[in-house]
Amino acid sequence: MTIRKSWTWLKYICVVVVAIFCLTEMASSQISAKGNLSVSVSIPDTVVNTYDTIDVPIVVGSLTGLSVFSYEANVRFDTTVLQFVSLVKTGTLSSDASIISNRKQDTVLVAASSTSVLNGSGDLIFIRFAIDTNVFGGAYSPLEFVRFQFNEGSPTTILTNGSVSFRPPQPLAPVLSSPANNSFHHSITPLLQWNDVRRAITYHLQISNSGTFDSTIVNDSTISTTSFQSDFLEYGKEYFWRVRAKNVSGVSSWSDVWKFTTLQRLTLQTEIHNGWNLLSLP
């Protein structure tokens, strides 16, 4: 009887030991799986066309179940194009985290920690930049991860860099300057001038005999200055002209249409009388 009871207890203990072993292996497998899982972390390519601030996100894959409580990020940018302003956590996965930021030359340093795990996927944090007001269309700044780490290095990450490209707004229409509107007695090679348009690259000038510009005498879209000297005009004619500006983002509307009139050709008449001789003098 005693032997039978002992055997029963022995079988019970064996079952418990096996169960504990299995649970331990499962836990180890889960921990290992978490350790081997890599989370995508990326910065998108962004195109802007204003000189306002821009919020660039750091985007992550799913963090759910990975026990992420903290992260560090170092992001490098071009200081001739962008100026670091601040970090924005509102509406991100880091909304409840404590955030510390700093700038070291051309690199933004970010450190975040939370008392609760970060869950979900999407925008982890926004980096707010301002566009330098001196940049022109086509300006470009890479946004590169110098370093990124969750917790103490787990889960690991797959990093993808991004960029910011600047395309300025379309230019405003030029304002014509001279010849004055409705003016007369101009040379047949007049100098046409208009005011400079900020960040315009080229100008498009049209001169026509008609205010509807159905046909044109001058149609030049490659002018890089704010003036044009025409040598295609005739004496005693009325001409209409207009200008528009162009940059990498597009073309402005046309300026107001102005008109001017060239001077009349001077004709000298000489009466020849009997007894006069015409001599050619050297």
C-alpha atoms as a PDB file:
ATOM      1  CA  MET A   1       0.000   0.000   0.000  1.00  0.00           C
ATOM      2  CA  THR A   2       2.824   2.366   0.929  1.00  0.00           C
ATOM      3  CA  ILE A   3       4.677   1.485  -2.277  1.00  0.00           C
ATOM      4  CA  ARG A   4       1.549   2.196  -4.352  1.00  0.00           C
ATOM      5  CA  LYS A   5       1.109   5.650  -2.748  1.00  0.00           C
ATOM      6  CA  SER A   6       4.754   6.475  -3.297  1.00  0.00           C
ATOM      7  CA  TRP A   7       4.472   5.516  -6.943  1.00  0.00           C
ATOM      8  CA  THR A   8       1.413   7.725  -7.346  1.00  0.00           C
ATOM      9  CA  TRP A   9       3.256  10.678  -5.846  1.00  0.00           C
ATOM     10  CA  LEU A  10       6.256   9.999  -8.052  1.00  0.00           C
ATOM     11  CA  LYS A  11       4.101  10.073 -11.184  1.00  0.00           C
ATOM     12  CA  TYR A  12       2.504  13.343 -10.007  1.00  0.00           C
ATOM     13  CA  ILE A  13       5.896  14.935  -9.434  1.00  0.00           C
ATOM     14  CA  CYS A  14       7.054  13.840 -12.880  1.00  0.00           C
ATOM     15  CA  VAL A  15       4.010  15.405 -14.499  1.00  0.00           C
ATOM     16  CA  VAL A  16       4.610  18.676 -12.648  1.00  0.00           C
ATOM     17  CA  VAL A  17       8.284  18.715 -13.617  1.00  0.00           C
ATOM     18  CA  VAL A  18       7.442  18.075 -17.275  1.00  0.00           C
ATOM     19  CA  ALA A  19       4.809  20.830 -17.222  1.00  0.00           C
ATOM     20  CA  ILE A  20       7.261  23.317 -15.693  1.00  0.00           C
ATOM     21  CA  PHE A  21       9.860  22.354 -18.287  1.00  0.00           C
ATOM     22  CA  CYS A  22       7.408  22.878 -21.138  1.00  0.00           C
ATOM     23  CA  LEU A  23       6.288  26.273 -19.805  1.00  0.00           C
ATOM     24  CA  THR A  24       9.907  27.335 -19.406  1.00  0.00           C
ATOM     25  CA  GLU A  25      10.680  26.328 -22.994  1.00  0.00           C
ATOM     26  CA  MET A  26       7.631  28.207 -24.270  1.00  0.00           C
ATOM     27  CA  ALA A  27       8.627  31.335 -22.374  1.00  0.00           C
ATOM     28  CA  SER A  28      12.174  31.040 -23.665  1.00  0.00           C
ATOM     29  CA  SER A  29      10.874  30.660 -27.222  1.00  0.00           C
ATOM     30  CA  GLN A  30       8.708  33.755 -26.869  1.00  0.00           C
ATOM     31  CA  ILE A  31      11.582  35.778 -25.445  1.00  0.00           C
ATOM     32  CA  SER A  32      13.828  34.528 -28.235  1.00  0.00           C
ATOM     33  CA  ALA A  33      11.211  35.374 -30.833  1.00  0.00           C
ATOM     34  CA  LYS A  34      10.938  38.898 -29.477  1.00  0.00           C
ATOM     35  CA  GLY A  35      14.674  39.224 -29.462  1.00  0.00           C
ATOM     36  CA  ASN A  36      14.909  38.127 -33.085  1.00  0.00           C
ATOM     37  CA  LEU A  37      12.048  40.292 -34.307  1.00  0.00           C
ATOM     38  CA  SER A  38      13.105  43.439 -36.212  1.00  0.00           C
ATOM     39  CA  VAL A  39      10.847  46.486 -36.343  1.00  0.00           C
ATOM     40  CA  SER A  40      10.859  48.777 -39.371  1.00  0.00           C
ATOM     41  CA  VAL A  41      11.721  52.402 -38.551  1.00  0.00           C
ATOM     42  CA  SER A  42      11.578  54.938 -41.365  1.00  0.00           C
ATOM     43  CA  ILE A  43      11.471  58.621 -42.288  1.00  0.00           C
ATOM     44  CA  PRO A  44       9.353  59.401 -45.372  1.00  0.00           C
ATOM     45  CA  ASP A  45      10.442  61.521 -48.339  1.00  0.00           C
ATOM     46  CA  THR A  46       8.575  64.819 -48.058  1.00  0.00           C
ATOM     47  CA  VAL A  47       8.064  67.651 -50.563  1.00  0.00           C
ATOM     48  CA  VAL A  48       7.124  71.105 -49.250  1.00  0.00           C
ATOM     49  CA  ASN A  49       6.270  74.348 -51.060  1.00  0.00           C
ATOM     50  CA  THR A  50       5.957  76.880 -48.246  1.00  0.00           C
ATOM     51  CA  TYR A  51       8.333  78.477 -45.811  1.00  0.00           C
ATOM     52  CA  ASP A  52       6.229  77.422 -42.830  1.00  0.00           C
ATOM     53  CA  THR A  53       7.321  74.727 -40.392  1.00  0.00           C
ATOM     54  CA  ILE A  54       7.017  71.080 -41.379  1.00  0.00           C
ATOM     55  CA  ASP A  55       6.446  68.090 -39.071  1.00  0.00           C
ATOM     56  CA  VAL A  56       8.410  65.060 -40.311  1.00  0.00           C
ATOM     57  CA  PRO A  57       7.377  61.746 -38.708  1.00  0.00           C
ATOM     58  CA  ILE A  58       9.493  58.815 -37.613  1.00  0.00           C
ATOM     59  CA  VAL A  59       7.277  55.893 -38.614  1.00  0.00           C
ATOM     60  CA  VAL A  60       7.485  52.451 -36.974  1.00  0.00           C
ATOM     61  CA  GLY A  61       6.013  49.007 -37.550  1.00  0.00           C
ATOM     62  CA  SER A  62       3.946  47.305 -34.856  1.00  0.00           C
ATOM     63  CA  LEU A  63       5.364  47.508 -31.315  1.00  0.00           C
ATOM     64  CA  THR A  64       2.514  45.578 -29.747  1.00  0.00           C
ATOM     65  CA  GLY A  65       3.712  42.791 -27.461  1.00  0.00           C
ATOM     66  CA  LEU A  66       7.385  43.786 -27.725  1.00  0.00           C
ATOM     67  CA  SER A  67       7.655  45.468 -24.306  1.00  0.00           C
ATOM     68  CA  VAL A  68       9.052  48.718 -25.690  1.00  0.00           C
ATOM     69  CA  PHE A  69       9.350  51.334 -22.938  1.00  0.00           C
ATOM     70  CA  SER A  70      12.004  53.630 -24.393  1.00  0.00           C
ATOM     71  CA  TYR A  71      13.923  54.598 -27.506  1.00  0.00           C
ATOM     72  CA  GLU A  72      16.755  56.836 -28.677  1.00  0.00           C
ATOM     73  CA  ALA A  73      17.133  58.427 -32.103  1.00  0.00           C
ATOM     74  CA  ASN A  74      19.823  60.556 -33.722  1.00  0.00           C
ATOM     75  CA  VAL A  75      18.806  62.086 -37.070  1.00  0.00           C
ATOM     76  CA  ARG A  76      21.190  64.081 -39.291  1.00  0.00           C
ATOM     77  CA  PHE A  77      19.968  66.881 -41.624  1.00  0.00           C
ATOM     78  CA  ASP A  78      21.338  69.660 -43.858  1.00  0.00           C
ATOM     79  CA  THR A  79      21.518  72.881 -41.836  1.00  0.00           C
ATOM     80  CA  THR A  80      21.644  75.033 -44.989  1.00  0.00           C
ATOM     81  CA  VAL A  81      18.117  73.881 -45.862  1.00  0.00           C
ATOM     82  CA  LEU A  82      16.425  72.990 -42.564  1.00  0.00           C
ATOM     83  CA  GLN A  83      16.393  74.416 -39.051  1.00  0.00           C
ATOM     84  CA  PHE A  84      15.416  72.188 -36.125  1.00  0.00           C
ATOM     85  CA  VAL A  85      12.543  73.681 -34.112  1.00  0.00           C
ATOM     86  CA  SER A  86      11.189  71.069 -31.678  1.00  0.00           C
ATOM     87  CA  LEU A  87       9.689  67.616 -31.231  1.00  0.00           C
ATOM     88  CA  VAL A  88       5.936  67.066 -31.423  1.00  0.00           C
ATOM     89  CA  LYS A  89       4.423  64.053 -29.633  1.00  0.00           C
ATOM     90  CA  THR A  90       0.721  64.961 -29.817  1.00  0.00           C
ATOM     91  CA  GLY A  91      -1.159  62.315 -31.771  1.00  0.00           C
ATOM     92  CA  THR A  92       1.794  59.888 -31.857  1.00  0.00           C
ATOM     93  CA  LEU A  93       2.689  56.601 -30.134  1.00  0.00           C
ATOM     94  CA  SER A  94       4.853  58.682 -27.782  1.00  0.00           C
ATOM     95  CA  SER A  95       2.027  60.942 -26.582  1.00  0.00           C
ATOM     96  CA  ASP A  96       2.342  59.682 -22.965  1.00  0.00           C
ATOM     97  CA  ALA A  97       6.136  59.379 -22.953  1.00  0.00           C
ATOM     98  CA  SER A  98       8.696  61.751 -21.482  1.00  0.00           C
ATOM     99  CA  ILE A  99      10.745  63.258 -24.313  1.00  0.00           C
ATOM    100  CA  ILE A 100      14.144  64.933 -24.233  1.00  0.00           C
ATOM    101  CA  SER A 101      15.618  66.569 -27.339  1.00  0.00           C
ATOM    102  CA  ASN A 102      18.804  68.356 -28.211  1.00  0.00           C
ATOM    103  CA  ARG A 103      20.653  69.490 -31.299  1.00  0.00           C
ATOM    104  CA  LYS A 104      24.331  68.852 -31.867  1.00  0.00           C
ATOM    105  CA  GLN A 105      25.484  70.660 -35.014  1.00  0.00           C
ATOM    106  CA  ASP A 106      23.632  68.897 -37.845  1.00  0.00           C
ATOM    107  CA  THR A 107      22.024  66.153 -35.725  1.00  0.00           C
ATOM    108  CA  VAL A 108      18.804  66.010 -33.684  1.00  0.00           C
ATOM    109  CA  LEU A 109      19.139  63.897 -30.534  1.00  0.00           C
ATOM    110  CA  VAL A 110      15.954  62.321 -29.172  1.00  0.00           C
ATOM    111  CA  ALA A 111      15.451  60.273 -25.994  1.00  0.00           C
ATOM    112  CA  ALA A 112      12.046  58.981 -24.890  1.00  0.00           C
ATOM    113  CA  SER A 113      10.871  56.852 -21.980  1.00  0.00           C
ATOM    114  CA  SER A 114       7.464  55.766 -20.718  1.00  0.00           C
ATOM    115  CA  THR A 115       6.063  54.015 -17.655  1.00  0.00           C
ATOM    116  CA  SER A 116       3.756  52.029 -19.944  1.00  0.00           C
ATOM    117  CA  VAL A 117       4.625  49.997 -23.027  1.00  0.00           C
ATOM    118  CA  LEU A 118       4.386  51.561 -26.466  1.00  0.00           C
ATOM    119  CA  ASN A 119       1.820  49.725 -28.582  1.00  0.00           C
ATOM    120  CA  GLY A 120       0.648  49.886 -32.162  1.00  0.00           C
ATOM    121  CA  SER A 121       2.275  51.123 -35.352  1.00  0.00           C
ATOM    122  CA  GLY A 122       2.505  54.459 -37.160  1.00  0.00           C
ATOM    123  CA  ASP A 123       3.964  57.825 -36.193  1.00  0.00           C
ATOM    124  CA  LEU A 124       6.344  57.396 -33.286  1.00  0.00           C
ATOM    125  CA  ILE A 125       7.257  61.084 -32.988  1.00  0.00           C
ATOM    126  CA  PHE A 126       7.338  64.194 -35.205  1.00  0.00           C
ATOM    127  CA  ILE A 127      10.474  66.276 -35.761  1.00  0.00           C
ATOM    128  CA  ARG A 128       9.491  69.859 -36.505  1.00  0.00           C
ATOM    129  CA  PHE A 129      11.731  71.737 -38.935  1.00  0.00           C
ATOM    130  CA  ALA A 130      11.603  75.211 -40.465  1.00  0.00           C
ATOM    131  CA  ILE A 131      12.657  75.809 -44.064  1.00  0.00           C
ATOM    132  CA  ASP A 132      15.517  78.288 -44.350  1.00  0.00           C
ATOM    133  CA  THR A 133      14.073  81.357 -46.084  1.00  0.00           C
ATOM    134  CA  ASN A 134      17.192  81.762 -48.217  1.00  0.00           C
ATOM    135  CA  VAL A 135      16.803  78.477 -50.076  1.00  0.00           C
ATOM    136  CA  PHE A 136      15.625  78.298 -53.673  1.00  0.00           C
ATOM    137  CA  GLY A 137      13.525  75.758 -55.497  1.00  0.00           C
ATOM    138  CA  GLY A 138      15.129  72.352 -55.748  1.00  0.00           C
ATOM    139  CA  ALA A 139      16.811  72.587 -52.339  1.00  0.00           C
ATOM    140  CA  TYR A 140      17.147  69.156 -50.736  1.00  0.00           C
ATOM    141  CA  SER A 141      18.052  67.805 -47.305  1.00  0.00           C
ATOM    142  CA  PRO A 142      18.597  64.127 -46.540  1.00  0.00           C
ATOM    143  CA  LEU A 143      17.265  62.901 -43.184  1.00  0.00           C
ATOM    144  CA  GLU A 144      19.562  60.111 -42.042  1.00  0.00           C
ATOM    145  CA  PHE A 145      19.522  57.894 -38.977  1.00  0.00           C
ATOM    146  CA  VAL A 146      22.877  58.149 -37.250  1.00  0.00           C
ATOM    147  CA  ARG A 147      21.515  55.903 -34.503  1.00  0.00           C
ATOM    148  CA  PHE A 148      18.218  54.368 -33.427  1.00  0.00           C
ATOM    149  CA  GLN A 149      17.561  51.960 -30.569  1.00  0.00           C
ATOM    150  CA  PHE A 150      14.564  50.585 -28.685  1.00  0.00           C
ATOM    151  CA  ASN A 151      15.075  49.849 -24.971  1.00  0.00           C
ATOM    152  CA  GLU A 152      18.616  48.536 -24.576  1.00  0.00           C
ATOM    153  CA  GLY A 153      18.731  47.258 -28.122  1.00  0.00           C
ATOM    154  CA  SER A 154      15.719  44.953 -28.295  1.00  0.00           C
ATOM    155  CA  PRO A 155      13.775  44.649 -30.493  1.00  0.00           C
ATOM    156  CA  THR A 156      16.244  45.289 -33.292  1.00  0.00           C
ATOM    157  CA  THR A 157      15.387  47.662 -36.123  1.00  0.00           C
ATOM    158  CA  ILE A 158      15.422  47.959 -39.911  1.00  0.00           C
ATOM    159  CA  LEU A 159      16.136  51.622 -40.677  1.00  0.00           C
ATOM    160  CA  THR A 160      15.107  53.576 -43.778  1.00  0.00           C
ATOM    161  CA  ASN A 161      16.297  57.146 -44.294  1.00  0.00           C
ATOM    162  CA  GLY A 162      14.184  59.929 -45.797  1.00  0.00           C
ATOM    163  CA  SER A 163      14.451  63.477 -47.084  1.00  0.00           C
ATOM    164  CA  VAL A 164      12.848  66.895 -47.437  1.00  0.00           C
ATOM    165  CA  SER A 165      12.717  68.599 -50.843  1.00  0.00           C
ATOM    166  CA  PHE A 166      11.689  72.225 -51.237  1.00  0.00           C
ATOM    167  CA  ARG A 167       9.539  73.421 -54.122  1.00  0.00           C
ATOM    168  CA  PRO A 168       8.603  77.088 -53.637  1.00  0.00           C
ATOM    169  CA  PRO A 169       5.120  78.430 -54.336  1.00  0.00           C
ATOM    170  CA  GLN A 170       4.334  79.537 -57.871  1.00  0.00           C
ATOM    171  CA  PRO A 171       5.560  83.116 -58.395  1.00  0.00           C
ATOM    172  CA  LEU A 172       3.292  86.137 -58.399  1.00  0.00           C
ATOM    173  CA  ALA A 173       2.535  88.010 -61.608  1.00  0.00           C
ATOM    174  CA  PRO A 174       5.110  90.696 -62.520  1.00  0.00           C
ATOM    175  CA  VAL A 175       4.263  94.393 -62.394  1.00  0.00           C
ATOM    176  CA  LEU A 176       5.166  96.259 -65.567  1.00  0.00           C
ATOM    177  CA  SER A 177       7.366  99.330 -65.261  1.00  0.00           C
ATOM    178  CA  SER A 178       8.156 100.921 -68.630  1.00  0.00           C
ATOM    179  CA  PRO A 179       7.274 102.051 -71.245  1.00  0.00           C
ATOM    180  CA  ALA A 180       4.366 103.571 -69.389  1.00  0.00           C
ATOM    181  CA  ASN A 181       0.933 102.352 -70.318  1.00  0.00           C
ATOM    182  CA  ASN A 182      -0.728 104.277 -73.180  1.00  0.00           C
ATOM    183  CA  SER A 183       2.446 106.258 -73.874  1.00  0.00           C
ATOM    184  CA  PHE A 184       3.606 107.532 -77.303  1.00  0.00           C
ATOM    185  CA  HIS A 185       6.665 108.379 -79.407  1.00  0.00           C
ATOM    186  CA  HIS A 186       8.848 105.444 -78.412  1.00  0.00           C
ATOM    187  CA  SER A 187      11.843 104.137 -80.268  1.00  0.00           C
ATOM    188  CA  ILE A 188      11.389 101.108 -82.514  1.00  0.00           C
ATOM    189  CA  THR A 189      13.945  99.397 -80.244  1.00  0.00           C
ATOM    190  CA  PRO A 190      12.358 100.164 -76.858  1.00  0.00           C
ATOM    191  CA  LEU A 191      13.661  98.788 -73.562  1.00  0.00           C
ATOM    192  CA  LEU A 192      10.779  96.991 -71.822  1.00  0.00           C
ATOM    193  CA  GLN A 193      11.119  96.693 -68.045  1.00  0.00           C
ATOM    194  CA  TRP A 194       9.158  95.140 -65.169  1.00  0.00           C
ATOM    195  CA  ASN A 195       9.579  94.640 -61.429  1.00  0.00           C
ATOM    196  CA  ASP A 196      11.514  91.653 -60.071  1.00  0.00           C
ATOM    197  CA  VAL A 197       9.421  88.750 -58.774  1.00  0.00           C
ATOM    198  CA  ARG A 198      10.834  87.000 -55.743  1.00  0.00           C
ATOM    199  CA  ARG A 199      12.230  83.545 -56.542  1.00  0.00           C
ATOM    200  CA  ALA A 200      11.319  83.722 -60.208  1.00  0.00           C
ATOM    201  CA  ILE A 201      13.830  81.900 -62.385  1.00  0.00           C
ATOM    202  CA  THR A 202      12.795  83.096 -65.843  1.00  0.00           C
ATOM    203  CA  TYR A 203      10.249  85.429 -67.416  1.00  0.00           C
ATOM    204  CA  HIS A 204       7.982  85.033 -70.435  1.00  0.00           C
ATOM    205  CA  LEU A 205       7.425  88.179 -72.535  1.00  0.00           C
ATOM    206  CA  GLN A 206       4.903  88.636 -75.318  1.00  0.00           C
ATOM    207  CA  ILE A 207       4.567  91.634 -77.658  1.00  0.00           C
ATOM    208  CA  SER A 208       1.682  91.807 -80.101  1.00  0.00           C
ATOM    209  CA  ASN A 209      -0.241  94.102 -82.408  1.00  0.00           C
ATOM    210  CA  SER A 210      -3.416  92.912 -80.681  1.00  0.00           C
ATOM    211  CA  GLY A 211      -4.541  93.079 -77.079  1.00  0.00           C
ATOM    212  CA  THR A 212      -5.801  89.497 -77.393  1.00  0.00           C
ATOM    213  CA  PHE A 213      -2.327  88.217 -78.371  1.00  0.00           C
ATOM    214  CA  ASP A 214      -3.766  85.999 -81.088  1.00  0.00           C
ATOM    215  CA  SER A 215      -0.438  86.443 -82.836  1.00  0.00           C
ATOM    216  CA  THR A 216       2.840  87.689 -81.371  1.00  0.00           C
ATOM    217  CA  ILE A 217       5.831  89.627 -82.612  1.00  0.00           C
ATOM    218  CA  VAL A 218       7.933  88.600 -79.616  1.00  0.00           C
ATOM    219  CA  ASN A 219       7.249  85.413 -77.654  1.00  0.00           C
ATOM    220  CA  ASP A 220      10.284  84.734 -75.466  1.00  0.00           C
ATOM    221  CA  SER A 221      10.008  82.500 -72.359  1.00  0.00           C
ATOM    222  CA  THR A 222      13.739  82.314 -71.574  1.00  0.00           C
ATOM    223  CA  ILE A 223      14.420  85.815 -70.235  1.00  0.00           C
ATOM    224  CA  SER A 224      16.458  85.677 -67.015  1.00  0.00           C
ATOM    225  CA  THR A 225      16.473  89.429 -66.251  1.00  0.00           C
ATOM    226  CA  THR A 226      13.733  92.013 -65.722  1.00  0.00           C
ATOM    227  CA  SER A 227      14.191  93.819 -69.026  1.00  0.00           C
ATOM    228  CA  PHE A 228      14.142  93.162 -72.762  1.00  0.00           C
ATOM    229  CA  GLN A 229      15.227  95.334 -75.684  1.00  0.00           C
ATOM    230  CA  SER A 230      13.170  94.681 -78.766  1.00  0.00           C
ATOM    231  CA  ASP A 231      14.411  95.215 -82.322  1.00  0.00           C
ATOM    232  CA  PHE A 232      11.387  93.843 -84.167  1.00  0.00           C
ATOM    233  CA  LEU A 233       9.099  96.893 -84.158  1.00  0.00           C
ATOM    234  CA  GLU A 234       7.972  99.350 -86.831  1.00  0.00           C
ATOM    235  CA  TYR A 235       7.459 103.104 -86.897  1.00  0.00           C
ATOM    236  CA  GLY A 236       4.094 104.561 -85.978  1.00  0.00           C
ATOM    237  CA  LYS A 237       2.580 101.334 -84.657  1.00  0.00           C
ATOM    238  CA  GLU A 238       0.655 100.489 -81.507  1.00  0.00           C
ATOM    239  CA  TYR A 239       1.985  97.514 -79.511  1.00  0.00           C
ATOM    240  CA  PHE A 240       0.650  95.501 -76.585  1.00  0.00           C
ATOM    241  CA  TRP A 241       2.868  93.631 -74.134  1.00  0.00           C
ATOM    242  CA  ARG A 242       2.680  91.437 -71.038  1.00  0.00           C
ATOM    243  CA  VAL A 243       4.977  89.317 -68.853  1.00  0.00           C
ATOM    244  CA  ARG A 244       4.661  86.304 -66.561  1.00  0.00           C
ATOM    245  CA  ALA A 245       7.157  84.658 -64.183  1.00  0.00           C
ATOM    246  CA  LYS A 246       8.255  81.040 -63.864  1.00  0.00           C
ATOM    247  CA  ASN A 247      10.023  78.826 -61.315  1.00  0.00           C
ATOM    248  CA  VAL A 248      10.290  75.081 -60.602  1.00  0.00           C
ATOM    249  CA  SER A 249       6.759  75.001 -59.172  1.00  0.00           C
ATOM    250  CA  GLY A 250       4.986  76.554 -62.129  1.00  0.00           C
ATOM    251  CA  VAL A 251       4.085  79.742 -63.959  1.00  0.00           C
ATOM    252  CA  SER A 252       2.401  82.875 -62.649  1.00  0.00           C
ATOM    253  CA  SER A 253      -0.617  84.501 -64.190  1.00  0.00           C
ATOM    254  CA  TRP A 254       0.051  87.155 -66.822  1.00  0.00           C
ATOM    255  CA  SER A 255       0.738  90.730 -65.788  1.00  0.00           C
ATOM    256  CA  ASP A 256      -1.651  93.489 -66.767  1.00  0.00           C
ATOM    257  CA  VAL A 257      -1.555  94.226 -70.497  1.00  0.00           C
ATOM    258  CA  TRP A 258       0.071  97.576 -71.343  1.00  0.00           C
ATOM    259  CA  LYS A 259       0.383  99.316 -74.678  1.00  0.00           C
ATOM    260  CA  PHE A 260       2.649 101.920 -76.234  1.00  0.00           C
ATOM    261  CA  THR A 261       3.062 103.546 -79.643  1.00  0.00           C
ATOM    262  CA  THR A 262       6.302 103.990 -81.550  1.00  0.00           C
ATOM    263  CA  LEU A 263       7.245 107.320 -83.081  1.00  0.00           C
ATOM    264  CA  GLN A 264       6.431 108.235 -86.653  1.00  0.00           C
ATOM    265  CA  ARG A 265       9.126 107.937 -89.308  1.00  0.00           C
ATOM    266  CA  LEU A 266      10.606 111.332 -90.138  1.00  0.00           C
ATOM    267  CA  THR A 267      10.463 112.183 -93.858  1.00  0.00           C
ATOM    268  CA  LEU A 268      12.497 115.090 -95.261  1.00  0.00           C
ATOM    269  CA  GLN A 269      11.222 116.655 -98.467  1.00  0.00           C
ATOM    270  CA  THR A 270      13.411 118.952-100.547  1.00  0.00           C
ATOM    271  CA  GLU A 271      12.165 120.930-103.574  1.00  0.00           C
ATOM    272  CA  ILE A 272      14.554 121.005-106.530  1.00  0.00           C
ATOM    273  CA  HIS A 273      14.507 124.269-108.512  1.00  0.00           C
ATOM    274  CA  ASN A 274      15.650 124.865-112.081  1.00  0.00           C
ATOM    275  CA  GLY A 275      19.267 125.829-112.266  1.00  0.00           C
ATOM    276  CA  TRP A 276      20.267 123.950-109.127  1.00  0.00           C
ATOM    277  CA  ASN A 277      22.993 121.346-109.290  1.00  0.00           C
ATOM    278  CA  LEU A 278      23.314 118.395-106.946  1.00  0.00           C
ATOM    279  CA  LEU A 279      26.824 117.707-105.967  1.00  0.00           C
ATOM    280  CA  SER A 280      28.153 114.718-104.101  1.00  0.00           C
ATOM    281  CA  LEU A 281      30.666 115.942-101.635  1.00  0.00           C
ATOM    282  CA  PRO A 282      33.244 113.641-100.117  1.00  0.00           C
END
